[in-house]
């Protein structure tokens, strides 16, 4: 497994054929041009080859539309159950097809992989990704 810090809350987790990106924000400012990514990531050429995207919550510095537009539209997107509706519709309008809402304290499966959201607060989550029978990463 290879873990790369990209920017802000964006991590790239690579394991065999998987490229999992968390909270993508590295292309342009957020919050009405008030927040800027610093330092800027050295390399974002991986963007079109990302296979999975994990959004921990809906703040613009974690669900950044200009950055998401750079991503592979066939990537599977996971986002947490939220009291606000419209996240799935927003992602579909951007061309993403494989979108899955995840629930706290439940196993969320996709083929041989599962994503476990084991702790939920409004400020974030603790998740781990499991491929077959092998836990490959845990992140907050």
Protein backbone atom coordinates (compact mmCIF):
# COMPACT_ATOMS: atom_id res chain seq x y z
CA UNK A 1 0.00 0.00 0.00
CA UNK A 2 1.16 3.52 -0.78
CA UNK A 3 -0.28 6.55 1.03
CA UNK A 4 0.36 10.02 -0.43
CA UNK A 5 -0.56 13.35 1.11
CA UNK A 6 -2.01 15.47 -1.71
CA UNK A 7 -3.33 18.64 -0.03
CA UNK A 8 -5.52 19.77 2.87
CA UNK A 9 -7.61 16.64 3.69
CA UNK A 10 -6.86 14.89 0.39
CA UNK A 11 -4.99 11.61 0.67
CA UNK A 12 -4.31 9.21 -2.19
CA UNK A 13 -4.33 5.57 -1.10
CA UNK A 14 -2.96 3.13 -3.68
CA UNK A 15 -3.27 -0.61 -3.25
CA UNK A 16 -2.94 -2.98 -6.20
CA UNK A 17 -5.50 -1.75 -8.77
CA UNK A 18 -7.19 0.67 -6.34
CA UNK A 19 -6.60 4.42 -6.23
CA UNK A 20 -8.70 5.88 -3.43
CA UNK A 21 -8.84 9.66 -2.96
CA UNK A 22 -10.27 11.31 0.15
CA UNK A 23 -11.88 14.75 0.28
CA UNK A 24 -10.64 16.15 -3.04
CA UNK A 25 -9.70 19.84 -2.93
CA UNK A 26 -6.63 20.97 -4.81
CA UNK A 27 -7.88 22.85 -7.88
CA UNK A 28 -8.70 26.46 -7.07
CA UNK A 29 -10.01 28.38 -4.07
CA UNK A 30 -12.93 27.54 -1.79
CA UNK A 31 -15.42 29.60 0.20
CA UNK A 32 -15.83 32.52 -2.20
CA UNK A 33 -12.10 32.83 -2.88
CA UNK A 34 -11.27 33.12 0.83
CA UNK A 35 -9.47 29.77 1.24
CA UNK A 36 -6.56 28.64 -0.91
CA UNK A 37 -4.73 25.32 -0.95
CA UNK A 38 -1.28 25.78 0.57
CA UNK A 39 1.09 24.36 -0.20
CA UNK A 40 -0.12 23.45 -3.66
CA UNK A 41 0.22 19.75 -4.47
CA UNK A 42 3.30 18.80 -6.45
CA UNK A 43 1.51 16.29 -8.68
CA UNK A 44 -2.17 15.81 -9.49
CA UNK A 45 -1.71 13.75 -12.65
CA UNK A 46 -3.35 10.80 -10.86
CA UNK A 47 -6.79 12.53 -11.03
CA UNK A 48 -8.18 10.76 -14.13
CA UNK A 49 -7.14 7.34 -12.82
CA UNK A 50 -8.79 7.51 -9.37
CA UNK A 51 -11.04 4.46 -8.84
CA UNK A 52 -12.77 5.50 -5.59
CA UNK A 53 -13.52 8.84 -3.93
CA UNK A 54 -14.45 9.18 -0.26
CA UNK A 55 -16.15 12.39 0.84
CA UNK A 56 -16.26 12.72 4.63
CA UNK A 57 -18.70 15.63 4.64
CA UNK A 58 -20.15 18.31 2.42
CA UNK A 59 -18.05 21.37 3.23
CA UNK A 60 -16.49 22.92 0.13
CA UNK A 61 -12.94 22.13 1.25
CA UNK A 62 -13.87 18.41 1.25
CA UNK A 63 -16.39 18.27 -1.62
CA UNK A 64 -14.88 20.75 -4.06
CA UNK A 65 -16.69 20.95 -7.39
CA UNK A 66 -13.79 22.30 -9.53
CA UNK A 67 -11.54 19.51 -8.23
CA UNK A 68 -14.20 16.81 -8.68
CA UNK A 69 -14.55 17.89 -12.33
CA UNK A 70 -10.98 16.61 -12.89
CA UNK A 71 -11.80 13.13 -11.63
CA UNK A 72 -12.58 9.92 -13.48
CA UNK A 73 -16.38 9.90 -13.86
CA UNK A 74 -16.37 6.09 -13.50
CA UNK A 75 -14.89 6.36 -10.00
CA UNK A 76 -17.09 5.05 -7.21
CA UNK A 77 -18.00 7.82 -4.79
CA UNK A 78 -18.86 7.21 -1.14
CA UNK A 79 -20.40 9.95 0.96
CA UNK A 80 -21.89 9.85 4.47
CA UNK A 81 -25.55 9.80 5.32
CA UNK A 82 -26.43 13.44 5.84
CA UNK A 83 -29.46 15.39 6.94
CA UNK A 84 -29.16 17.59 3.86
CA UNK A 85 -30.46 16.17 0.61
CA UNK A 86 -29.10 16.88 -2.84
CA UNK A 87 -25.55 15.49 -2.61
CA UNK A 88 -26.28 12.52 -4.85
CA UNK A 89 -28.10 14.72 -7.38
CA UNK A 90 -25.16 17.16 -7.43
CA UNK A 91 -22.67 14.35 -8.09
CA UNK A 92 -24.90 12.86 -10.81
CA UNK A 93 -25.19 16.27 -12.51
CA UNK A 94 -21.36 16.30 -12.70
CA UNK A 95 -21.41 12.98 -14.59
CA UNK A 96 -20.68 10.52 -11.79
CA UNK A 97 -22.69 7.29 -12.03
CA UNK A 98 -21.47 5.11 -9.15
CA UNK A 99 -22.51 6.96 -6.00
CA UNK A 100 -23.14 5.28 -2.66
CA UNK A 101 -24.34 6.81 0.58
CA UNK A 102 -22.70 5.16 3.60
CA UNK A 103 -24.18 4.76 7.05
CA UNK A 104 -22.36 4.90 10.36
CA UNK A 105 -21.52 1.66 12.14
CA UNK A 106 -22.44 -0.44 9.09
CA UNK A 107 -20.42 -2.34 6.52
CA UNK A 108 -20.81 -0.71 3.11
CA UNK A 109 -19.89 -3.25 0.43
CA UNK A 110 -18.93 -2.90 -3.18
CA UNK A 111 -17.83 -6.15 -4.80
CA UNK A 112 -14.89 -7.59 -2.85
CA UNK A 113 -14.32 -4.35 -0.99
CA UNK A 114 -16.01 -2.78 1.97
CA UNK A 115 -15.82 0.61 3.61
CA UNK A 116 -16.53 0.75 7.32
CA UNK A 117 -17.53 4.09 8.81
CA UNK A 118 -17.04 3.29 12.47
CA UNK A 119 -17.29 6.68 14.10
CA UNK A 120 -19.42 9.65 13.09
CA UNK A 121 -19.54 13.19 14.33
CA UNK A 122 -20.39 16.29 12.37
CA UNK A 123 -16.69 17.21 12.30
CA UNK A 124 -15.52 14.07 10.51
CA UNK A 125 -15.30 10.33 10.59
CA UNK A 126 -13.00 7.42 11.21
CA UNK A 127 -13.12 4.90 8.38
CA UNK A 128 -11.20 1.93 7.21
CA UNK A 129 -11.11 0.24 3.86
CA UNK A 130 -11.09 -3.52 3.64
CA UNK A 131 -10.20 -5.46 0.50
CA UNK A 132 -11.16 -9.12 0.65
CA UNK A 133 -10.06 -10.16 4.16
CA UNK A 134 -7.25 -7.67 4.53
CA UNK A 135 -7.67 -4.25 6.16
CA UNK A 136 -5.45 -1.91 4.17
CA UNK A 137 -5.90 1.49 5.73
CA UNK A 138 -7.55 3.48 8.43
CA UNK A 139 -7.95 7.22 8.33
CA UNK A 140 -9.73 10.05 10.03
